[in-house]
Amino acid sequence: MSIASLISRLFSSSSVPAIEHEDMQKAVESGECHIVDVREPNEYAAGHIPGAKSHPLSSFDPTKLPTGKPLILVCQAGGRSARALQAAMASGRTDVVHYAPGTGGWLSRGGAVKQ
């Protein structure tokens, strides 16, 4: 199953669609999804998931999110990305999930970060 079809299935089956770690790893490796980090710029600069783009929650505008591929939102521990997810869904996005473990969970599972 592709990451895009997984995201579509997750979106339709959950009020807060979240992607599991193994699928997040596949998404990072394949580049099949946009990954958006909603932490503040200083947090992002200190280390972020490879390929993630910064879009801080403090100035979050769902209309400015990238399009063309499914979208995964991430923060430090899942709270901010869940809020950003709700805003994105309220704006009509149907191709978005969040990675609930966040960057902290990514690191604890052996994931690398870029600075």
N, C-alpha and C. Protein backbone atom coordinates (compact mmCIF):
# COMPACT_ATOMS: atom_id res chain seq x y z
N MET A 1 0.85 -1.17 0.00
CA MET A 1 0.00 0.00 0.00
C MET A 1 0.90 1.24 0.00
N SER A 2 0.57 2.20 -0.85
CA SER A 2 1.37 3.42 -0.89
C SER A 2 1.05 4.30 0.32
N ILE A 3 1.96 5.21 0.62
CA ILE A 3 1.75 6.13 1.74
C ILE A 3 0.54 7.01 1.44
N ALA A 4 0.36 7.42 0.18
CA ALA A 4 -0.78 8.26 -0.19
C ALA A 4 -2.10 7.56 0.08
N SER A 5 -2.20 6.28 -0.28
CA SER A 5 -3.46 5.56 -0.04
C SER A 5 -3.65 5.31 1.46
N LEU A 6 -2.56 5.11 2.19
CA LEU A 6 -2.65 4.96 3.64
C LEU A 6 -3.20 6.23 4.27
N ILE A 7 -2.69 7.38 3.86
CA ILE A 7 -3.15 8.65 4.40
C ILE A 7 -4.63 8.85 4.09
N SER A 8 -5.03 8.52 2.89
CA SER A 8 -6.45 8.63 2.53
C SER A 8 -7.31 7.75 3.43
N ARG A 9 -6.85 6.53 3.69
CA ARG A 9 -7.60 5.60 4.55
C ARG A 9 -7.64 6.12 5.99
N LEU A 10 -6.51 6.63 6.49
CA LEU A 10 -6.47 7.16 7.85
C LEU A 10 -7.40 8.36 8.00
N PHE A 11 -7.40 9.22 7.01
CA PHE A 11 -8.22 10.43 7.08
C PHE A 11 -9.70 10.06 7.19
N SER A 12 -10.11 9.06 6.46
CA SER A 12 -11.53 8.71 6.46
C SER A 12 -11.95 7.88 7.67
N SER A 13 -10.98 7.38 8.45
CA SER A 13 -11.35 6.48 9.54
C SER A 13 -11.11 7.04 10.94
N SER A 14 -10.65 8.27 11.06
CA SER A 14 -10.31 8.78 12.37
C SER A 14 -10.59 10.27 12.48
N SER A 15 -11.01 10.71 13.67
CA SER A 15 -11.25 12.14 13.87
C SER A 15 -9.94 12.89 13.98
N VAL A 16 -8.87 12.23 14.39
CA VAL A 16 -7.53 12.82 14.44
C VAL A 16 -6.60 11.83 13.73
N PRO A 17 -6.56 11.87 12.40
CA PRO A 17 -5.76 10.90 11.66
C PRO A 17 -4.27 11.01 11.98
N ALA A 18 -3.67 9.90 12.34
CA ALA A 18 -2.25 9.88 12.69
C ALA A 18 -1.56 8.75 11.94
N ILE A 19 -0.31 8.99 11.59
CA ILE A 19 0.49 8.00 10.88
C ILE A 19 1.40 7.29 11.88
N GLU A 20 1.55 6.00 11.71
CA GLU A 20 2.41 5.20 12.59
C GLU A 20 3.88 5.39 12.20
N HIS A 21 4.77 5.05 13.11
CA HIS A 21 6.20 5.29 12.92
C HIS A 21 6.75 4.62 11.66
N GLU A 22 6.43 3.36 11.44
CA GLU A 22 6.97 2.65 10.28
C GLU A 22 6.53 3.31 8.98
N ASP A 23 5.29 3.77 8.92
CA ASP A 23 4.80 4.45 7.73
C ASP A 23 5.44 5.83 7.59
N MET A 24 5.72 6.48 8.72
CA MET A 24 6.42 7.76 8.69
C MET A 24 7.82 7.57 8.12
N GLN A 25 8.49 6.51 8.55
CA GLN A 25 9.83 6.22 8.01
C GLN A 25 9.77 6.06 6.49
N LYS A 26 8.78 5.32 6.01
CA LYS A 26 8.63 5.10 4.57
C LYS A 26 8.37 6.43 3.86
N ALA A 27 7.55 7.28 4.46
CA ALA A 27 7.24 8.57 3.85
C ALA A 27 8.48 9.45 3.76
N VAL A 28 9.30 9.45 4.80
CA VAL A 28 10.54 10.24 4.79
C VAL A 28 11.49 9.70 3.73
N GLU A 29 11.64 8.38 3.68
CA GLU A 29 12.57 7.77 2.73
C GLU A 29 12.12 7.94 1.28
N SER A 30 10.82 7.86 1.02
CA SER A 30 10.32 7.89 -0.35
C SER A 30 10.10 9.29 -0.89
N GLY A 31 9.91 10.26 0.00
CA GLY A 31 9.58 11.61 -0.45
C GLY A 31 8.19 11.71 -1.04
N GLU A 32 7.37 10.70 -0.77
CA GLU A 32 6.03 10.61 -1.32
C GLU A 32 5.06 11.63 -0.70
N CYS A 33 5.44 12.21 0.42
CA CYS A 33 4.58 13.15 1.14
C CYS A 33 5.33 14.43 1.46
N HIS A 34 4.58 15.52 1.61
CA HIS A 34 5.14 16.73 2.19
C HIS A 34 5.15 16.51 3.70
N ILE A 35 6.24 16.89 4.35
CA ILE A 35 6.32 16.84 5.80
C ILE A 35 6.48 18.27 6.27
N VAL A 36 5.58 18.71 7.15
CA VAL A 36 5.58 20.08 7.64
C VAL A 36 5.74 20.07 9.15
N ASP A 37 6.76 20.77 9.62
CA ASP A 37 7.09 20.87 11.04
C ASP A 37 6.46 22.17 11.56
N VAL A 38 5.56 22.04 12.54
CA VAL A 38 4.85 23.22 13.05
C VAL A 38 5.46 23.80 14.32
N ARG A 39 6.66 23.33 14.68
CA ARG A 39 7.35 23.92 15.83
C ARG A 39 7.86 25.31 15.47
N GLU A 40 8.30 26.03 16.46
CA GLU A 40 8.81 27.38 16.25
C GLU A 40 10.17 27.32 15.54
N PRO A 41 10.57 28.41 14.86
CA PRO A 41 11.80 28.40 14.07
C PRO A 41 13.05 27.97 14.84
N ASN A 42 13.18 28.37 16.09
CA ASN A 42 14.36 27.96 16.86
C ASN A 42 14.36 26.45 17.11
N GLU A 43 13.20 25.86 17.33
CA GLU A 43 13.11 24.41 17.52
C GLU A 43 13.46 23.68 16.22
N TYR A 44 12.91 24.17 15.13
CA TYR A 44 13.17 23.58 13.81
C TYR A 44 14.67 23.64 13.51
N ALA A 45 15.29 24.79 13.76
CA ALA A 45 16.71 24.97 13.47
C ALA A 45 17.59 24.04 14.31
N ALA A 46 17.12 23.68 15.50
CA ALA A 46 17.89 22.81 16.39
C ALA A 46 17.92 21.36 15.89
N GLY A 47 17.01 21.00 15.01
CA GLY A 47 16.97 19.66 14.44
C GLY A 47 15.57 19.29 14.02
N HIS A 48 15.42 18.84 12.78
CA HIS A 48 14.10 18.47 12.25
C HIS A 48 14.20 17.19 11.42
N ILE A 49 13.09 16.56 11.22
CA ILE A 49 13.02 15.35 10.42
C ILE A 49 13.46 15.69 9.00
N PRO A 50 14.32 14.87 8.40
CA PRO A 50 14.80 15.16 7.05
C PRO A 50 13.65 15.40 6.07
N GLY A 51 13.78 16.46 5.30
CA GLY A 51 12.77 16.80 4.31
C GLY A 51 11.64 17.67 4.82
N ALA A 52 11.54 17.85 6.14
CA ALA A 52 10.46 18.65 6.71
C ALA A 52 10.68 20.13 6.43
N LYS A 53 9.59 20.82 6.14
CA LYS A 53 9.60 22.27 5.93
C LYS A 53 8.99 22.92 7.16
N SER A 54 9.48 24.09 7.50
CA SER A 54 8.99 24.82 8.66
C SER A 54 7.74 25.63 8.33
N HIS A 55 6.73 25.50 9.19
CA HIS A 55 5.47 26.25 9.07
C HIS A 55 4.94 26.39 10.50
N PRO A 56 5.50 27.31 11.29
CA PRO A 56 5.20 27.39 12.73
C PRO A 56 3.71 27.55 13.05
N LEU A 57 3.29 26.87 14.09
CA LEU A 57 1.90 26.97 14.52
C LEU A 57 1.53 28.40 14.92
N SER A 58 2.49 29.16 15.44
CA SER A 58 2.20 30.53 15.88
C SER A 58 1.75 31.43 14.73
N SER A 59 2.07 31.07 13.50
CA SER A 59 1.63 31.84 12.34
C SER A 59 0.97 30.92 11.31
N PHE A 60 0.39 29.84 11.79
CA PHE A 60 -0.14 28.79 10.92
C PHE A 60 -1.30 29.27 10.07
N ASP A 61 -1.17 29.04 8.78
CA ASP A 61 -2.23 29.36 7.82
C ASP A 61 -2.38 28.15 6.92
N PRO A 62 -3.46 27.39 7.09
CA PRO A 62 -3.60 26.16 6.30
C PRO A 62 -3.62 26.40 4.79
N THR A 63 -3.97 27.60 4.37
CA THR A 63 -3.98 27.88 2.93
C THR A 63 -2.57 27.99 2.36
N LYS A 64 -1.57 28.09 3.21
CA LYS A 64 -0.17 28.20 2.78
C LYS A 64 0.55 26.84 2.78
N LEU A 65 -0.16 25.78 3.15
CA LEU A 65 0.45 24.45 3.17
C LEU A 65 0.73 23.97 1.76
N PRO A 66 1.79 23.20 1.56
CA PRO A 66 2.09 22.69 0.22
C PRO A 66 1.00 21.74 -0.27
N THR A 67 0.85 21.67 -1.57
CA THR A 67 -0.14 20.80 -2.20
C THR A 67 0.57 19.88 -3.20
N GLY A 68 -0.19 18.98 -3.77
CA GLY A 68 0.35 18.09 -4.80
C GLY A 68 0.71 16.71 -4.30
N LYS A 69 0.93 16.57 -2.99
CA LYS A 69 1.22 15.28 -2.36
C LYS A 69 0.52 15.28 -1.02
N PRO A 70 0.26 14.10 -0.45
CA PRO A 70 -0.28 14.06 0.91
C PRO A 70 0.64 14.79 1.87
N LEU A 71 0.08 15.19 2.99
CA LEU A 71 0.78 16.04 3.94
C LEU A 71 0.83 15.38 5.32
N ILE A 72 2.00 15.42 5.94
CA ILE A 72 2.18 14.93 7.31
C ILE A 72 2.65 16.10 8.16
N LEU A 73 1.93 16.37 9.24
CA LEU A 73 2.29 17.44 10.17
C LEU A 73 3.02 16.83 11.36
N VAL A 74 4.03 17.54 11.84
CA VAL A 74 4.82 17.05 12.97
C VAL A 74 5.20 18.23 13.86
N CYS A 75 5.32 17.96 15.16
CA CYS A 75 5.82 18.95 16.12
C CYS A 75 6.79 18.22 17.05
N GLN A 76 6.88 18.63 18.29
CA GLN A 76 7.80 17.96 19.21
C GLN A 76 7.20 16.69 19.81
N ALA A 77 5.92 16.77 20.23
CA ALA A 77 5.33 15.62 20.92
C ALA A 77 3.88 15.35 20.52
N GLY A 78 3.38 15.99 19.47
CA GLY A 78 2.05 15.67 18.96
C GLY A 78 0.94 16.66 19.23
N GLY A 79 1.07 17.50 20.24
CA GLY A 79 0.00 18.43 20.58
C GLY A 79 -0.21 19.52 19.54
N ARG A 80 0.86 20.17 19.14
CA ARG A 80 0.73 21.25 18.16
C ARG A 80 0.36 20.73 16.78
N SER A 81 0.91 19.58 16.42
CA SER A 81 0.56 19.03 15.09
C SER A 81 -0.90 18.60 15.06
N ALA A 82 -1.44 18.15 16.18
CA ALA A 82 -2.87 17.81 16.24
C ALA A 82 -3.73 19.06 16.06
N ARG A 83 -3.31 20.18 16.66
CA ARG A 83 -4.05 21.45 16.48
C ARG A 83 -3.95 21.92 15.03
N ALA A 84 -2.76 21.83 14.45
CA ALA A 84 -2.59 22.22 13.06
C ALA A 84 -3.41 21.32 12.14
N LEU A 85 -3.47 20.03 12.47
CA LEU A 85 -4.28 19.09 11.69
C LEU A 85 -5.73 19.49 11.70
N GLN A 86 -6.26 19.84 12.87
CA GLN A 86 -7.66 20.26 12.95
C GLN A 86 -7.91 21.50 12.09
N ALA A 87 -6.97 22.45 12.11
CA ALA A 87 -7.10 23.66 11.29
C ALA A 87 -7.05 23.32 9.80
N ALA A 88 -6.16 22.42 9.43
CA ALA A 88 -6.06 22.02 8.03
C ALA A 88 -7.33 21.32 7.57
N MET A 89 -7.85 20.43 8.42
CA MET A 89 -9.08 19.73 8.08
C MET A 89 -10.25 20.71 8.00
N ALA A 90 -10.30 21.67 8.89
CA ALA A 90 -11.37 22.67 8.87
C ALA A 90 -11.31 23.52 7.60
N SER A 91 -10.11 23.67 7.03
CA SER A 91 -9.97 24.45 5.80
C SER A 91 -10.31 23.62 4.56
N GLY A 92 -10.61 22.33 4.76
CA GLY A 92 -11.02 21.48 3.65
C GLY A 92 -9.98 20.48 3.17
N ARG A 93 -8.80 20.44 3.80
CA ARG A 93 -7.79 19.48 3.37
C ARG A 93 -8.25 18.07 3.72
N THR A 94 -8.11 17.17 2.78
CA THR A 94 -8.50 15.77 3.00
C THR A 94 -7.33 14.82 2.81
N ASP A 95 -6.14 15.38 2.75
CA ASP A 95 -4.94 14.57 2.48
C ASP A 95 -3.87 14.82 3.54
N VAL A 96 -4.30 14.98 4.78
CA VAL A 96 -3.37 15.36 5.83
C VAL A 96 -3.55 14.49 7.08
N VAL A 97 -2.43 14.13 7.68
CA VAL A 97 -2.40 13.39 8.94
C VAL A 97 -1.31 14.02 9.80
N HIS A 98 -1.20 13.57 11.05
CA HIS A 98 -0.08 14.03 11.85
C HIS A 98 0.67 12.83 12.40
N TYR A 99 1.93 13.11 12.74
CA TYR A 99 2.80 12.09 13.33
C TYR A 99 2.81 12.37 14.83
N ALA A 100 1.95 11.67 15.57
CA ALA A 100 1.72 11.95 16.98
C ALA A 100 2.97 11.87 17.86
N PRO A 101 3.91 10.94 17.63
CA PRO A 101 5.10 10.92 18.49
C PRO A 101 5.99 12.15 18.35
N GLY A 102 5.85 12.87 17.25
CA GLY A 102 6.62 14.09 17.04
C GLY A 102 8.10 13.84 16.85
N THR A 103 8.84 14.93 16.81
CA THR A 103 10.28 14.84 16.62
C THR A 103 10.93 14.08 17.78
N GLY A 104 10.43 14.26 18.98
CA GLY A 104 10.96 13.52 20.13
C GLY A 104 10.79 12.03 19.94
N GLY A 105 9.63 11.60 19.49
CA GLY A 105 9.39 10.18 19.22
C GLY A 105 10.23 9.66 18.07
N TRP A 106 10.40 10.49 17.06
CA TRP A 106 11.23 10.13 15.92
C TRP A 106 12.65 9.82 16.39
N LEU A 107 13.20 10.72 17.21
CA LEU A 107 14.56 10.53 17.73
C LEU A 107 14.65 9.29 18.62
N SER A 108 13.64 9.09 19.48
CA SER A 108 13.70 7.95 20.40
C SER A 108 13.61 6.61 19.69
N ARG A 109 13.12 6.62 18.45
CA ARG A 109 13.03 5.40 17.67
C ARG A 109 14.19 5.28 16.68
N GLY A 110 15.23 6.10 16.88
CA GLY A 110 16.44 5.99 16.06
C GLY A 110 16.44 6.83 14.80
N GLY A 111 15.43 7.67 14.61
CA GLY A 111 15.39 8.53 13.43
C GLY A 111 16.44 9.63 13.51
N ALA A 112 16.96 10.00 12.37
CA ALA A 112 17.95 11.08 12.30
C ALA A 112 17.24 12.42 12.11
N VAL A 113 17.92 13.48 12.49
CA VAL A 113 17.41 14.82 12.24
C VAL A 113 18.45 15.63 11.48
N LYS A 114 17.98 16.63 10.77
CA LYS A 114 18.87 17.56 10.07
C LYS A 114 18.89 18.87 10.83
N GLN A 115 20.01 19.54 10.79
CA GLN A 115 20.11 20.86 11.44
C GLN A 115 20.41 21.91 10.42
